[in-house]
Amino acid sequence: MKRKKISYWIVTVWLSLGMLSTGIVQLIRMDEEVQAITELGYPVYFLTILGIWKLLGVIAVLIPGSPLLKEWAYAGFFFAMSGAVYSYLVSGPSTATLSGPLLLLVLTVLSWYLRPADRKLLPGKTSAESANVF
């Protein structure tokens, strides 16, 4: 049990650092990010949306309590990273550009899977009892 908790925190810290760094890079619209997003066919303002969502997601995953909010954050990370992987696959990039989103996708799934019971929505409780959003 202790090994699982340690594994959770290692994976979650790496996930959080990855999402935090890419979120900041997207918010400040680094030239490489602007070029990548436009080559994929998305508008540049999409970087701001992704950056804000990633930063809020990191906060949600790391703060204690609020399991419903954590589920939404994990879902957002999963959708954003699986969307990035798919976008890169259909546009035919090198594997170097695919590796970042793919790694963050794997870390998202692992962090979600390894999360301790106090960070989960518990079965048998109402969503209000289990959610504890506020």
Protein backbone atom coordinates (compact mmCIF):
# COMPACT_ATOMS: atom_id res chain seq x y z
CA MET A 1 0.00 0.00 0.00
CA LYS A 2 2.81 2.40 0.86
CA ARG A 3 4.57 1.56 -2.43
CA LYS A 4 1.41 2.44 -4.36
CA LYS A 5 1.12 5.80 -2.58
CA ILE A 6 4.78 6.62 -3.27
CA SER A 7 4.32 5.60 -6.91
CA TYR A 8 1.23 7.80 -7.10
CA TRP A 9 3.10 10.86 -5.84
CA ILE A 10 6.10 10.29 -8.13
CA VAL A 11 3.87 9.95 -11.19
CA THR A 12 1.62 12.83 -10.12
CA VAL A 13 4.55 15.20 -9.51
CA TRP A 14 5.94 14.40 -12.98
CA LEU A 15 2.48 14.85 -14.52
CA SER A 16 2.02 18.15 -12.69
CA LEU A 17 5.45 19.44 -13.74
CA GLY A 18 4.74 18.48 -17.34
CA MET A 19 1.33 20.11 -17.39
CA LEU A 20 2.58 23.17 -15.53
CA SER A 21 5.53 23.73 -17.88
CA THR A 22 3.54 23.16 -21.06
CA GLY A 23 0.70 25.31 -19.71
CA ILE A 24 3.07 28.20 -19.04
CA VAL A 25 4.72 27.81 -22.45
CA GLN A 26 1.28 27.92 -24.05
CA LEU A 27 0.18 30.96 -22.04
CA ILE A 28 3.25 32.98 -22.98
CA ARG A 29 2.85 31.78 -26.58
CA MET A 30 6.43 30.72 -27.22
CA ASP A 31 7.27 30.79 -30.91
CA GLU A 32 7.61 27.00 -31.09
CA GLU A 33 4.15 26.52 -29.59
CA VAL A 34 2.58 29.05 -31.94
CA GLN A 35 4.21 27.34 -34.90
CA ALA A 36 3.14 23.87 -33.73
CA ILE A 37 -0.49 24.84 -33.07
CA THR A 38 -0.86 26.61 -36.41
CA GLU A 39 0.74 23.69 -38.28
CA LEU A 40 -1.87 21.45 -36.70
CA GLY A 41 -4.60 23.78 -37.98
CA TYR A 42 -5.74 25.25 -34.68
CA PRO A 43 -6.12 29.00 -33.95
CA VAL A 44 -3.42 30.60 -31.81
CA TYR A 45 -5.93 31.64 -29.12
CA PHE A 46 -6.38 27.93 -28.39
CA LEU A 47 -2.99 28.07 -26.62
CA THR A 48 -4.45 30.41 -23.98
CA ILE A 49 -7.40 28.10 -23.37
CA LEU A 50 -5.16 25.03 -23.06
CA GLY A 51 -2.66 26.85 -20.84
CA ILE A 52 -5.31 28.05 -18.39
CA TRP A 53 -6.99 24.63 -18.26
CA LYS A 54 -3.67 22.90 -17.60
CA LEU A 55 -2.74 25.25 -14.75
CA LEU A 56 -6.17 24.88 -13.15
CA GLY A 57 -5.97 21.12 -13.62
CA VAL A 58 -2.62 20.94 -11.83
CA ILE A 59 -4.07 22.86 -8.89
CA ALA A 60 -7.11 20.56 -8.79
CA VAL A 61 -5.03 17.38 -8.87
CA LEU A 62 -2.62 18.55 -6.15
CA ILE A 63 -4.95 20.14 -3.59
CA PRO A 64 -6.39 17.91 -0.86
CA GLY A 65 -10.07 16.97 -1.01
CA SER A 66 -12.41 17.74 -3.89
CA PRO A 67 -12.45 14.30 -5.55
CA LEU A 68 -15.07 15.36 -8.13
CA LEU A 69 -12.89 18.28 -9.17
CA LYS A 70 -9.94 15.90 -9.49
CA GLU A 71 -11.98 13.59 -11.75
CA TRP A 72 -12.76 16.55 -14.01
CA ALA A 73 -9.09 17.56 -14.06
CA TYR A 74 -7.97 14.06 -15.00
CA ALA A 75 -10.65 13.92 -17.69
CA GLY A 76 -9.48 17.27 -19.05
CA PHE A 77 -5.86 16.13 -19.10
CA PHE A 78 -6.88 12.90 -20.84
CA PHE A 79 -8.95 14.69 -23.50
CA ALA A 80 -6.29 17.34 -24.14
CA MET A 81 -3.42 14.86 -24.41
CA SER A 82 -5.31 12.23 -26.42
CA GLY A 83 -6.45 15.05 -28.72
CA ALA A 84 -2.85 16.22 -29.09
CA VAL A 85 -1.66 12.69 -29.85
CA TYR A 86 -4.38 12.24 -32.46
CA SER A 87 -3.70 15.68 -33.99
CA TYR A 88 0.00 14.87 -34.33
CA LEU A 89 -0.73 11.42 -35.77
CA VAL A 90 -3.03 12.69 -38.50
CA SER A 91 -0.70 15.56 -39.39
CA GLY A 92 2.31 13.22 -39.74
CA PRO A 93 4.95 14.76 -37.45
CA SER A 94 8.15 13.22 -36.25
CA THR A 95 8.03 10.97 -33.21
CA ALA A 96 9.82 13.68 -31.20
CA THR A 97 6.71 15.91 -31.26
CA LEU A 98 4.45 12.97 -30.45
CA SER A 99 6.51 11.83 -27.46
CA GLY A 100 5.59 14.75 -25.15
CA PRO A 101 1.80 14.44 -25.38
CA LEU A 102 2.06 10.64 -25.34
CA LEU A 103 4.14 10.72 -22.14
CA LEU A 104 1.70 13.14 -20.48
CA LEU A 105 -1.19 10.90 -21.55
CA VAL A 106 0.46 7.86 -19.93
CA LEU A 107 1.25 9.85 -16.77
CA THR A 108 -2.37 11.03 -16.61
CA VAL A 109 -3.71 7.48 -16.76
CA LEU A 110 -1.15 6.21 -14.24
CA SER A 111 -1.78 9.05 -11.77
CA TRP A 112 -5.53 8.51 -12.02
CA TYR A 113 -5.16 4.74 -11.57
CA LEU A 114 -2.75 4.97 -8.62
CA ARG A 115 -4.59 7.72 -6.72
CA PRO A 116 -5.30 6.96 -3.05
CA ALA A 117 -8.84 6.31 -1.79
CA ASP A 118 -9.11 9.80 -0.27
CA ARG A 119 -8.66 11.25 -3.77
CA LYS A 120 -11.41 9.12 -5.37
CA LEU A 121 -15.13 9.41 -5.72
CA LEU A 122 -16.30 6.67 -3.39
CA PRO A 123 -18.95 4.20 -4.56
CA GLY A 124 -22.12 4.03 -2.53
CA LYS A 125 -22.11 7.69 -1.58
CA THR A 126 -24.17 10.39 -3.20
CA SER A 127 -22.30 12.69 -5.54
CA ALA A 128 -22.69 15.53 -2.99
CA GLU A 129 -21.18 13.44 -0.17
CA SER A 130 -18.38 12.14 -2.34
CA ALA A 131 -17.67 15.32 -4.27
CA ASN A 132 -16.83 17.76 -1.49
CA VAL A 133 -16.14 20.41 -4.13
CA PHE A 134 -16.45 23.37 -1.81
